[in-house]
Amino acid sequence: MVTQKPKLVWVEGTEARPGLAGLWKFLDDYLKSQAEPDFDVSYVAFPRAAGGVRQLAPRLLSETLGLTAAQVAAEQGADLVIFNDWAMPIHAARSHLDVPVTGVAEASAILGNVLAQRPAVVTVAEGLRWGFERDLRDFGLVQRMVHPPVWWLDPQSTHEDIQEAVVDAAAFVERFDAVARKAVAAGADAILVGCGYLGPTLTAADYRNVTGHPDIPVYDCTRLAFELGVALYRLSSAGVSPSRVGFARPSQTGSTAVADVLNHLQVVGGARKQLLTQVLGV
C-alpha cells in the first residue's frame, strides 16, 4: 500500500519572472532536496509582482498576496505552507487558516535565538531594515539580537546578482561576508541570512561561517524555515495547534468578509485568476 505524502506548498513572495529561470530552477532543486522524500513539494509564486518589499507600501500589497496565496494553498489541500520571503504575513495566515504556516523570518528569529545568544540579520538592501526590525519585535526577540539587529549590503543586491551567484558565488560571498564581519565586530555571535534566495545560494557555495571566525555560523534561513515547518506539521498531526486566543479567528462575519476580499483579489474581468503559479511553469 502506497502512503500519500503530505503536501508542502512553498510560497515565493514575488513574481517568478521568466528571465530568472536559472534562479527558480536552483531554488526548486534546493527545496526538494530538503523536503523530499518526506513531502510532496510544490514551489509556487504570485502571478504578478506587487513592487517588492523594500518599501512599506509595496510590502503591504505583497503581504496581502501572501495571505491570499496561503488561503489558496490550503483550499488546494496543502498540509504545510512555508513562505520563502521575510516580508510575509505569517501571524495573519496562522490566525486565518487551520494548516500549519511559517516562513523564513519567523524561523530565523526563533531558531536563530535558540542556536545563538546575539545573532544579527544580514540582508540585501537598507530598505528592508524597517520592516525586518518590526518583524523581530513582533516575534518578541529583537532584544535578544545584537544592536543594531539588521545589517545590509550597500549597494543593494538585485535578483540578477543572486542569479549570477548561483553560477559563481565568490564575489557575492565576499560582499556578504564584509557586512557579516561588521556585525561580528558589533558583537554578533551568529549571522541570519535575511533573504529567501540567498540562504540556499550561500549554502551551495559552502559559506557556513564568517571569514576569520570559524565559531560564528551563518544560518541558511530557508533551511531553518523547513525545519520549523516540519516541527509545526508534526505537532499539528499530533493534535497540537495554535492558541485561538493569541491567534484568534475573526468572527463569522469577519471570516466571511476576509474570504470575500481575498477571493476578489483572484478575480479579473469576471473570471477567477490562478493565484499560485508553478515557478518552473512560467
C-alpha atoms as a PDB file:
ATOM      1  CA  MET A   1       0.000   0.000   0.000  1.00  0.00           C
ATOM      2  CA  VAL A   2       1.399   3.367  -1.034  1.00  0.00           C
ATOM      3  CA  THR A   3       1.097   6.048   1.637  1.00  0.00           C
ATOM      4  CA  GLN A   4       0.341   9.510   0.279  1.00  0.00           C
ATOM      5  CA  LYS A   5       2.937  12.046   1.297  1.00  0.00           C
ATOM      6  CA  PRO A   6       1.839  15.268   2.982  1.00  0.00           C
ATOM      7  CA  LYS A   7       1.720  18.282   0.675  1.00  0.00           C
ATOM      8  CA  LEU A   8       4.118  21.145   1.322  1.00  0.00           C
ATOM      9  CA  VAL A   9       3.434  24.381  -0.561  1.00  0.00           C
ATOM     10  CA  TRP A  10       6.482  26.641  -0.613  1.00  0.00           C
ATOM     11  CA  VAL A  11       5.395  30.181  -1.499  1.00  0.00           C
ATOM     12  CA  GLU A  12       7.846  32.560  -3.163  1.00  0.00           C
ATOM     13  CA  GLY A  13       6.860  36.097  -2.203  1.00  0.00           C
ATOM     14  CA  THR A  14       7.223  37.578  -5.651  1.00  0.00           C
ATOM     15  CA  GLU A  15       6.533  37.037  -9.322  1.00  0.00           C
ATOM     16  CA  ALA A  16       8.522  34.262 -10.990  1.00  0.00           C
ATOM     17  CA  ARG A  17       9.990  36.323 -13.832  1.00  0.00           C
ATOM     18  CA  PRO A  18      10.994  34.083 -16.760  1.00  0.00           C
ATOM     19  CA  GLY A  19      14.287  35.933 -17.101  1.00  0.00           C
ATOM     20  CA  LEU A  20      15.337  34.472 -13.764  1.00  0.00           C
ATOM     21  CA  ALA A  21      14.611  30.871 -14.741  1.00  0.00           C
ATOM     22  CA  GLY A  22      18.064  29.763 -13.609  1.00  0.00           C
ATOM     23  CA  LEU A  23      17.428  31.083 -10.097  1.00  0.00           C
ATOM     24  CA  TRP A  24      13.996  29.451  -9.854  1.00  0.00           C
ATOM     25  CA  LYS A  25      15.353  26.092 -11.059  1.00  0.00           C
ATOM     26  CA  PHE A  26      18.166  26.279  -8.498  1.00  0.00           C
ATOM     27  CA  LEU A  27      15.728  27.076  -5.671  1.00  0.00           C
ATOM     28  CA  ASP A  28      13.255  24.393  -6.744  1.00  0.00           C
ATOM     29  CA  ASP A  29      16.030  21.796  -6.698  1.00  0.00           C
ATOM     30  CA  TYR A  30      17.242  23.030  -3.308  1.00  0.00           C
ATOM     31  CA  LEU A  31      13.797  22.974  -1.712  1.00  0.00           C
ATOM     32  CA  LYS A  32      13.075  19.491  -2.977  1.00  0.00           C
ATOM     33  CA  SER A  33      16.457  18.278  -1.758  1.00  0.00           C
ATOM     34  CA  GLN A  34      15.435  19.411   1.733  1.00  0.00           C
ATOM     35  CA  ALA A  35      11.837  18.219   1.770  1.00  0.00           C
ATOM     36  CA  GLU A  36      11.659  15.107  -0.380  1.00  0.00           C
ATOM     37  CA  PRO A  37      11.043  12.220   0.075  1.00  0.00           C
ATOM     38  CA  ASP A  38       9.023  13.175   3.179  1.00  0.00           C
ATOM     39  CA  PHE A  39       6.799  15.747   1.451  1.00  0.00           C
ATOM     40  CA  ASP A  40       5.212  16.309  -1.931  1.00  0.00           C
ATOM     41  CA  VAL A  41       6.639  19.764  -2.681  1.00  0.00           C
ATOM     42  CA  SER A  42       5.020  22.499  -4.768  1.00  0.00           C
ATOM     43  CA  TYR A  43       7.153  25.601  -5.287  1.00  0.00           C
ATOM     44  CA  VAL A  44       4.824  28.435  -6.255  1.00  0.00           C
ATOM     45  CA  ALA A  45       4.871  32.205  -6.775  1.00  0.00           C
ATOM     46  CA  PHE A  46       2.499  35.109  -7.321  1.00  0.00           C
ATOM     47  CA  PRO A  47       1.056  35.726 -10.804  1.00  0.00           C
ATOM     48  CA  ARG A  48       2.413  39.260 -10.686  1.00  0.00           C
ATOM     49  CA  ALA A  49       4.720  41.391  -8.577  1.00  0.00           C
ATOM     50  CA  ALA A  50       3.476  43.982  -6.078  1.00  0.00           C
ATOM     51  CA  GLY A  51       6.527  46.230  -6.308  1.00  0.00           C
ATOM     52  CA  GLY A  52       8.836  44.317  -3.991  1.00  0.00           C
ATOM     53  CA  VAL A  53       9.145  44.533  -0.213  1.00  0.00           C
ATOM     54  CA  ARG A  54      11.925  47.095   0.221  1.00  0.00           C
ATOM     55  CA  GLN A  55       9.443  49.887   0.972  1.00  0.00           C
ATOM     56  CA  LEU A  56       6.418  49.678   3.247  1.00  0.00           C
ATOM     57  CA  ALA A  57       3.597  50.295   0.743  1.00  0.00           C
ATOM     58  CA  PRO A  58       4.535  47.548  -1.745  1.00  0.00           C
ATOM     59  CA  ARG A  59       5.349  45.299   1.199  1.00  0.00           C
ATOM     60  CA  LEU A  60       1.767  45.687   2.411  1.00  0.00           C
ATOM     61  CA  LEU A  61       0.474  44.620  -1.008  1.00  0.00           C
ATOM     62  CA  SER A  62       2.875  41.673  -1.059  1.00  0.00           C
ATOM     63  CA  GLU A  63       1.654  40.589   2.373  1.00  0.00           C
ATOM     64  CA  THR A  64      -1.920  40.665   1.078  1.00  0.00           C
ATOM     65  CA  LEU A  65      -0.928  38.491  -1.866  1.00  0.00           C
ATOM     66  CA  GLY A  66       0.853  36.201   0.573  1.00  0.00           C
ATOM     67  CA  LEU A  67      -2.245  35.769   2.722  1.00  0.00           C
ATOM     68  CA  THR A  68      -4.270  35.060  -0.395  1.00  0.00           C
ATOM     69  CA  ALA A  69      -1.689  32.532  -1.573  1.00  0.00           C
ATOM     70  CA  ALA A  70      -1.772  30.720   1.765  1.00  0.00           C
ATOM     71  CA  GLN A  71      -5.557  30.518   1.623  1.00  0.00           C
ATOM     72  CA  VAL A  72      -5.481  29.121  -1.917  1.00  0.00           C
ATOM     73  CA  ALA A  73      -2.823  26.593  -0.916  1.00  0.00           C
ATOM     74  CA  ALA A  74      -4.987  25.439   1.983  1.00  0.00           C
ATOM     75  CA  GLU A  75      -8.036  25.189  -0.289  1.00  0.00           C
ATOM     76  CA  GLN A  76      -5.984  23.035  -2.659  1.00  0.00           C
ATOM     77  CA  GLY A  77      -5.076  20.585   0.079  1.00  0.00           C
ATOM     78  CA  ALA A  78      -1.769  21.843   1.487  1.00  0.00           C
ATOM     79  CA  ASP A  79      -0.722  20.224   4.762  1.00  0.00           C
ATOM     80  CA  LEU A  80       2.005  22.808   5.396  1.00  0.00           C
ATOM     81  CA  VAL A  81       2.673  26.281   3.978  1.00  0.00           C
ATOM     82  CA  ILE A  82       6.115  27.906   4.144  1.00  0.00           C
ATOM     83  CA  PHE A  83       6.836  31.443   2.939  1.00  0.00           C
ATOM     84  CA  ASN A  84      10.264  31.765   1.309  1.00  0.00           C
ATOM     85  CA  ASP A  85      10.306  35.531   1.838  1.00  0.00           C
ATOM     86  CA  TRP A  86      10.949  37.518   5.001  1.00  0.00           C
ATOM     87  CA  ALA A  87       8.134  40.002   4.392  1.00  0.00           C
ATOM     88  CA  MET A  88       5.142  37.677   4.572  1.00  0.00           C
ATOM     89  CA  PRO A  89       2.069  37.624   6.880  1.00  0.00           C
ATOM     90  CA  ILE A  90       2.908  34.548   8.947  1.00  0.00           C
ATOM     91  CA  HIS A  91       0.863  35.508  12.011  1.00  0.00           C
ATOM     92  CA  ALA A  92      -2.154  36.582   9.959  1.00  0.00           C
ATOM     93  CA  ALA A  93      -2.093  33.340   7.955  1.00  0.00           C
ATOM     94  CA  ARG A  94      -1.762  31.274  11.137  1.00  0.00           C
ATOM     95  CA  SER A  95      -4.769  33.049  12.575  1.00  0.00           C
ATOM     96  CA  HIS A  96      -6.805  32.642   9.388  1.00  0.00           C
ATOM     97  CA  LEU A  97      -6.048  29.005   8.492  1.00  0.00           C
ATOM     98  CA  ASP A  98      -6.044  25.543  10.049  1.00  0.00           C
ATOM     99  CA  VAL A  99      -2.922  24.296   8.246  1.00  0.00           C
ATOM    100  CA  PRO A 100       0.496  24.959   9.815  1.00  0.00           C
ATOM    101  CA  VAL A 101       2.161  28.098   8.423  1.00  0.00           C
ATOM    102  CA  THR A 102       5.640  29.525   8.937  1.00  0.00           C
ATOM    103  CA  GLY A 103       8.349  31.266   6.933  1.00  0.00           C
ATOM    104  CA  VAL A 104      11.969  32.290   6.754  1.00  0.00           C
ATOM    105  CA  ALA A 105      11.530  35.346   9.008  1.00  0.00           C
ATOM    106  CA  GLU A 106       9.920  33.541  11.929  1.00  0.00           C
ATOM    107  CA  ALA A 107      12.176  30.508  11.664  1.00  0.00           C
ATOM    108  CA  SER A 108      15.309  32.654  11.550  1.00  0.00           C
ATOM    109  CA  ALA A 109      14.250  34.735  14.544  1.00  0.00           C
ATOM    110  CA  ILE A 110      13.169  31.784  16.682  1.00  0.00           C
ATOM    111  CA  LEU A 111      15.761  29.153  15.803  1.00  0.00           C
ATOM    112  CA  GLY A 112      18.495  31.747  15.423  1.00  0.00           C
ATOM    113  CA  ASN A 113      17.874  32.814  19.010  1.00  0.00           C
ATOM    114  CA  VAL A 114      17.916  29.197  20.149  1.00  0.00           C
ATOM    115  CA  LEU A 115      21.212  28.492  18.418  1.00  0.00           C
ATOM    116  CA  ALA A 116      22.889  31.809  19.308  1.00  0.00           C
ATOM    117  CA  GLN A 117      22.890  34.446  22.038  1.00  0.00           C
ATOM    118  CA  ARG A 118      23.295  37.630  19.972  1.00  0.00           C
ATOM    119  CA  PRO A 119      22.536  36.926  16.301  1.00  0.00           C
ATOM    120  CA  ALA A 120      22.335  39.562  13.581  1.00  0.00           C
ATOM    121  CA  VAL A 121      20.390  39.600  10.325  1.00  0.00           C
ATOM    122  CA  VAL A 122      22.310  40.432   7.156  1.00  0.00           C
ATOM    123  CA  THR A 123      20.038  41.242   4.244  1.00  0.00           C
ATOM    124  CA  VAL A 124      20.257  42.574   0.712  1.00  0.00           C
ATOM    125  CA  ALA A 125      19.084  46.214   0.973  1.00  0.00           C
ATOM    126  CA  GLU A 126      18.735  49.007   3.522  1.00  0.00           C
ATOM    127  CA  GLY A 127      15.060  49.438   2.602  1.00  0.00           C
ATOM    128  CA  LEU A 128      14.299  46.085   4.245  1.00  0.00           C
ATOM    129  CA  ARG A 129      15.631  47.224   7.614  1.00  0.00           C
ATOM    130  CA  TRP A 130      12.486  48.848   8.982  1.00  0.00           C
ATOM    131  CA  GLY A 131      10.150  46.007   8.097  1.00  0.00           C
ATOM    132  CA  PHE A 132      12.591  43.392   9.379  1.00  0.00           C
ATOM    133  CA  GLU A 133      13.049  45.214  12.691  1.00  0.00           C
ATOM    134  CA  ARG A 134       9.262  45.356  13.056  1.00  0.00           C
ATOM    135  CA  ASP A 135       9.110  41.613  12.356  1.00  0.00           C
ATOM    136  CA  LEU A 136      11.689  40.911  15.052  1.00  0.00           C
ATOM    137  CA  ARG A 137       9.686  42.987  17.547  1.00  0.00           C
ATOM    138  CA  ASP A 138       6.523  41.076  16.603  1.00  0.00           C
ATOM    139  CA  PHE A 139       8.328  37.796  17.241  1.00  0.00           C
ATOM    140  CA  GLY A 140       9.343  39.149  20.662  1.00  0.00           C
ATOM    141  CA  LEU A 141      13.049  38.611  20.031  1.00  0.00           C
ATOM    142  CA  VAL A 142      14.553  41.939  18.998  1.00  0.00           C
ATOM    143  CA  GLN A 143      16.046  42.447  22.487  1.00  0.00           C
ATOM    144  CA  ARG A 144      17.964  39.186  22.088  1.00  0.00           C
ATOM    145  CA  MET A 145      19.654  40.425  18.919  1.00  0.00           C
ATOM    146  CA  VAL A 146      22.863  42.362  18.564  1.00  0.00           C
ATOM    147  CA  HIS A 147      22.382  46.116  18.147  1.00  0.00           C
ATOM    148  CA  PRO A 148      21.526  47.073  15.514  1.00  0.00           C
ATOM    149  CA  PRO A 149      19.776  43.788  14.698  1.00  0.00           C
ATOM    150  CA  VAL A 150      19.605  44.247  10.903  1.00  0.00           C
ATOM    151  CA  TRP A 151      22.573  44.887   8.583  1.00  0.00           C
ATOM    152  CA  TRP A 152      22.517  45.214   4.796  1.00  0.00           C
ATOM    153  CA  LEU A 153      24.545  45.200   1.597  1.00  0.00           C
ATOM    154  CA  ASP A 154      25.418  48.578   0.084  1.00  0.00           C
ATOM    155  CA  PRO A 155      24.973  48.886  -2.827  1.00  0.00           C
ATOM    156  CA  GLN A 156      21.866  46.800  -2.561  1.00  0.00           C
ATOM    157  CA  SER A 157      21.606  43.399  -4.201  1.00  0.00           C
ATOM    158  CA  THR A 158      19.358  42.542  -7.152  1.00  0.00           C
ATOM    159  CA  HIS A 159      17.747  39.339  -8.401  1.00  0.00           C
ATOM    160  CA  GLU A 160      20.282  39.340 -11.203  1.00  0.00           C
ATOM    161  CA  ASP A 161      23.145  39.460  -8.674  1.00  0.00           C
ATOM    162  CA  ILE A 162      21.833  36.347  -6.980  1.00  0.00           C
ATOM    163  CA  GLN A 163      21.209  34.536 -10.260  1.00  0.00           C
ATOM    164  CA  GLU A 164      24.852  35.201 -11.142  1.00  0.00           C
ATOM    165  CA  ALA A 165      25.867  33.957  -7.685  1.00  0.00           C
ATOM    166  CA  VAL A 166      24.097  30.660  -8.340  1.00  0.00           C
ATOM    167  CA  VAL A 167      26.693  30.090 -11.091  1.00  0.00           C
ATOM    168  CA  ASP A 168      29.682  31.672  -9.322  1.00  0.00           C
ATOM    169  CA  ALA A 169      29.150  32.905  -5.781  1.00  0.00           C
ATOM    170  CA  ALA A 170      32.658  34.107  -4.979  1.00  0.00           C
ATOM    171  CA  ALA A 171      32.064  37.841  -5.496  1.00  0.00           C
ATOM    172  CA  PHE A 172      28.710  37.796  -3.743  1.00  0.00           C
ATOM    173  CA  VAL A 173      30.077  35.833  -0.788  1.00  0.00           C
ATOM    174  CA  GLU A 174      32.803  38.453  -0.423  1.00  0.00           C
ATOM    175  CA  ARG A 175      30.219  41.265  -0.358  1.00  0.00           C
ATOM    176  CA  PHE A 176      28.025  39.465   2.152  1.00  0.00           C
ATOM    177  CA  ASP A 177      30.960  38.459   4.333  1.00  0.00           C
ATOM    178  CA  ALA A 178      32.209  42.044   4.557  1.00  0.00           C
ATOM    179  CA  VAL A 179      28.893  43.082   6.139  1.00  0.00           C
ATOM    180  CA  ALA A 180      28.793  39.981   8.341  1.00  0.00           C
ATOM    181  CA  ARG A 181      32.230  40.834   9.727  1.00  0.00           C
ATOM    182  CA  LYS A 182      30.973  44.294  10.697  1.00  0.00           C
ATOM    183  CA  ALA A 183      28.069  42.708  12.579  1.00  0.00           C
ATOM    184  CA  VAL A 184      30.500  40.379  14.334  1.00  0.00           C
ATOM    185  CA  ALA A 185      32.636  43.370  15.331  1.00  0.00           C
ATOM    186  CA  ALA A 186      29.485  44.848  16.918  1.00  0.00           C
ATOM    187  CA  GLY A 187      29.012  41.687  18.994  1.00  0.00           C
ATOM    188  CA  ALA A 188      27.030  39.243  16.846  1.00  0.00           C
ATOM    189  CA  ASP A 189      27.707  35.576  17.582  1.00  0.00           C
ATOM    190  CA  ALA A 190      25.805  34.271  14.531  1.00  0.00           C
ATOM    191  CA  ILE A 191      24.523  35.593  11.211  1.00  0.00           C
ATOM    192  CA  LEU A 192      20.965  35.024   9.985  1.00  0.00           C
ATOM    193  CA  VAL A 193      20.673  35.270   6.210  1.00  0.00           C
ATOM    194  CA  GLY A 194      17.934  37.815   5.521  1.00  0.00           C
ATOM    195  CA  CYS A 195      16.811  36.668   2.069  1.00  0.00           C
ATOM    196  CA  GLY A 196      14.993  33.526   0.955  1.00  0.00           C
ATOM    197  CA  TYR A 197      17.021  33.323  -2.263  1.00  0.00           C
ATOM    198  CA  LEU A 198      20.329  33.997  -0.602  1.00  0.00           C
ATOM    199  CA  GLY A 199      20.315  31.297   2.090  1.00  0.00           C
ATOM    200  CA  PRO A 200      20.407  28.406  -0.403  1.00  0.00           C
ATOM    201  CA  THR A 201      22.882  30.287  -2.610  1.00  0.00           C
ATOM    202  CA  LEU A 202      25.368  30.732   0.234  1.00  0.00           C
ATOM    203  CA  THR A 203      24.839  27.154   1.402  1.00  0.00           C
ATOM    204  CA  ALA A 204      25.571  25.855  -2.100  1.00  0.00           C
ATOM    205  CA  ALA A 205      28.775  27.909  -2.049  1.00  0.00           C
ATOM    206  CA  ASP A 206      29.679  26.247   1.286  1.00  0.00           C
ATOM    207  CA  TYR A 207      29.721  29.613   3.046  1.00  0.00           C
ATOM    208  CA  ARG A 208      28.745  28.491   6.541  1.00  0.00           C
ATOM    209  CA  ASN A 209      30.912  30.633   8.833  1.00  0.00           C
ATOM    210  CA  VAL A 210      32.056  34.242   8.864  1.00  0.00           C
ATOM    211  CA  THR A 211      35.556  34.536   7.423  1.00  0.00           C
ATOM    212  CA  GLY A 212      38.150  34.582  10.181  1.00  0.00           C
ATOM    213  CA  HIS A 213      35.559  33.449  12.739  1.00  0.00           C
ATOM    214  CA  PRO A 214      35.126  29.674  12.463  1.00  0.00           C
ATOM    215  CA  ASP A 215      32.937  29.604  15.587  1.00  0.00           C
ATOM    216  CA  ILE A 216      30.438  32.145  14.229  1.00  0.00           C
ATOM    217  CA  PRO A 217      27.936  30.349  11.979  1.00  0.00           C
ATOM    218  CA  VAL A 218      25.941  31.694   9.053  1.00  0.00           C
ATOM    219  CA  TYR A 219      22.424  30.232   9.182  1.00  0.00           C
ATOM    220  CA  ASP A 220      20.503  29.484   5.991  1.00  0.00           C
ATOM    221  CA  CYS A 221      17.029  30.960   6.600  1.00  0.00           C
ATOM    222  CA  THR A 222      15.393  28.606   4.098  1.00  0.00           C
ATOM    223  CA  ARG A 223      16.747  25.527   5.860  1.00  0.00           C
ATOM    224  CA  LEU A 224      15.610  26.903   9.219  1.00  0.00           C
ATOM    225  CA  ALA A 225      12.130  27.531   7.797  1.00  0.00           C
ATOM    226  CA  PHE A 226      11.865  23.949   6.607  1.00  0.00           C
ATOM    227  CA  GLU A 227      12.934  22.551   9.975  1.00  0.00           C
ATOM    228  CA  LEU A 228      10.459  24.734  11.881  1.00  0.00           C
ATOM    229  CA  GLY A 229       7.745  23.902   9.366  1.00  0.00           C
ATOM    230  CA  VAL A 230       8.301  20.166   9.852  1.00  0.00           C
ATOM    231  CA  ALA A 231       8.064  20.614  13.627  1.00  0.00           C
ATOM    232  CA  LEU A 232       4.790  22.539  13.282  1.00  0.00           C
ATOM    233  CA  TYR A 233       3.412  19.908  10.896  1.00  0.00           C
ATOM    234  CA  ARG A 234       4.272  17.089  13.310  1.00  0.00           C
ATOM    235  CA  LEU A 235       2.727  18.959  16.218  1.00  0.00           C
ATOM    236  CA  SER A 236      -0.410  19.609  14.178  1.00  0.00           C
ATOM    237  CA  SER A 237      -0.595  15.919  13.252  1.00  0.00           C
ATOM    238  CA  ALA A 238      -0.423  15.107  16.971  1.00  0.00           C
ATOM    239  CA  GLY A 239      -3.293  17.475  17.739  1.00  0.00           C
ATOM    240  CA  VAL A 240      -1.175  20.375  18.983  1.00  0.00           C
ATOM    241  CA  SER A 241      -2.467  23.561  17.390  1.00  0.00           C
ATOM    242  CA  PRO A 242      -2.011  27.340  17.771  1.00  0.00           C
ATOM    243  CA  SER A 243      -3.737  29.168  20.599  1.00  0.00           C
ATOM    244  CA  ARG A 244      -7.015  30.590  19.361  1.00  0.00           C
ATOM    245  CA  VAL A 245      -6.659  33.347  21.934  1.00  0.00           C
ATOM    246  CA  GLY A 246      -3.262  34.516  20.695  1.00  0.00           C
ATOM    247  CA  PHE A 247      -4.105  33.664  17.080  1.00  0.00           C
ATOM    248  CA  ALA A 248      -7.786  34.414  17.331  1.00  0.00           C
ATOM    249  CA  ARG A 249     -10.079  33.697  14.439  1.00  0.00           C
ATOM    250  CA  PRO A 250     -12.216  36.544  13.128  1.00  0.00           C
ATOM    251  CA  SER A 251     -15.903  36.365  13.895  1.00  0.00           C
ATOM    252  CA  GLN A 252     -18.082  34.516  11.401  1.00  0.00           C
ATOM    253  CA  THR A 253     -18.917  37.839   9.783  1.00  0.00           C
ATOM    254  CA  GLY A 254     -15.264  38.843   9.777  1.00  0.00           C
ATOM    255  CA  SER A 255     -14.142  35.483   8.348  1.00  0.00           C
ATOM    256  CA  THR A 256     -16.675  35.783   5.546  1.00  0.00           C
ATOM    257  CA  ALA A 257     -15.513  39.317   4.783  1.00  0.00           C
ATOM    258  CA  VAL A 258     -11.850  38.265   4.729  1.00  0.00           C
ATOM    259  CA  ALA A 259     -12.616  35.338   2.425  1.00  0.00           C
ATOM    260  CA  ASP A 260     -14.676  37.571   0.131  1.00  0.00           C
ATOM    261  CA  VAL A 261     -11.888  40.140  -0.168  1.00  0.00           C
ATOM    262  CA  LEU A 262      -9.224  37.501  -0.776  1.00  0.00           C
ATOM    263  CA  ASN A 263     -11.404  35.836  -3.381  1.00  0.00           C
ATOM    264  CA  HIS A 264     -11.981  39.227  -5.020  1.00  0.00           C
ATOM    265  CA  LEU A 265      -8.222  39.585  -5.444  1.00  0.00           C
ATOM    266  CA  GLN A 266      -8.262  36.447  -7.567  1.00  0.00           C
ATOM    267  CA  VAL A 267     -10.971  37.641  -9.943  1.00  0.00           C
ATOM    268  CA  VAL A 268     -10.058  39.681 -13.027  1.00  0.00           C
ATOM    269  CA  GLY A 269     -12.692  40.663 -15.575  1.00  0.00           C
ATOM    270  CA  GLY A 270     -15.240  38.332 -14.013  1.00  0.00           C
ATOM    271  CA  ALA A 271     -13.043  35.233 -14.352  1.00  0.00           C
ATOM    272  CA  ARG A 272     -11.214  33.585 -11.488  1.00  0.00           C
ATOM    273  CA  LYS A 273      -7.470  34.092 -11.940  1.00  0.00           C
ATOM    274  CA  GLN A 274      -4.941  31.457 -10.971  1.00  0.00           C
ATOM    275  CA  LEU A 275      -3.116  32.891  -7.972  1.00  0.00           C
ATOM    276  CA  LEU A 276      -0.435  30.331  -7.424  1.00  0.00           C
ATOM    277  CA  THR A 277       1.882  29.981 -10.403  1.00  0.00           C
ATOM    278  CA  GLN A 278       4.127  26.940 -10.554  1.00  0.00           C
ATOM    279  CA  VAL A 279       7.532  28.593 -10.562  1.00  0.00           C
ATOM    280  CA  LEU A 280       9.037  26.348 -13.218  1.00  0.00           C
ATOM    281  CA  GLY A 281       5.947  26.549 -15.382  1.00  0.00           C
ATOM    282  CA  VAL A 282       6.487  30.182 -16.354  1.00  0.00           C
END
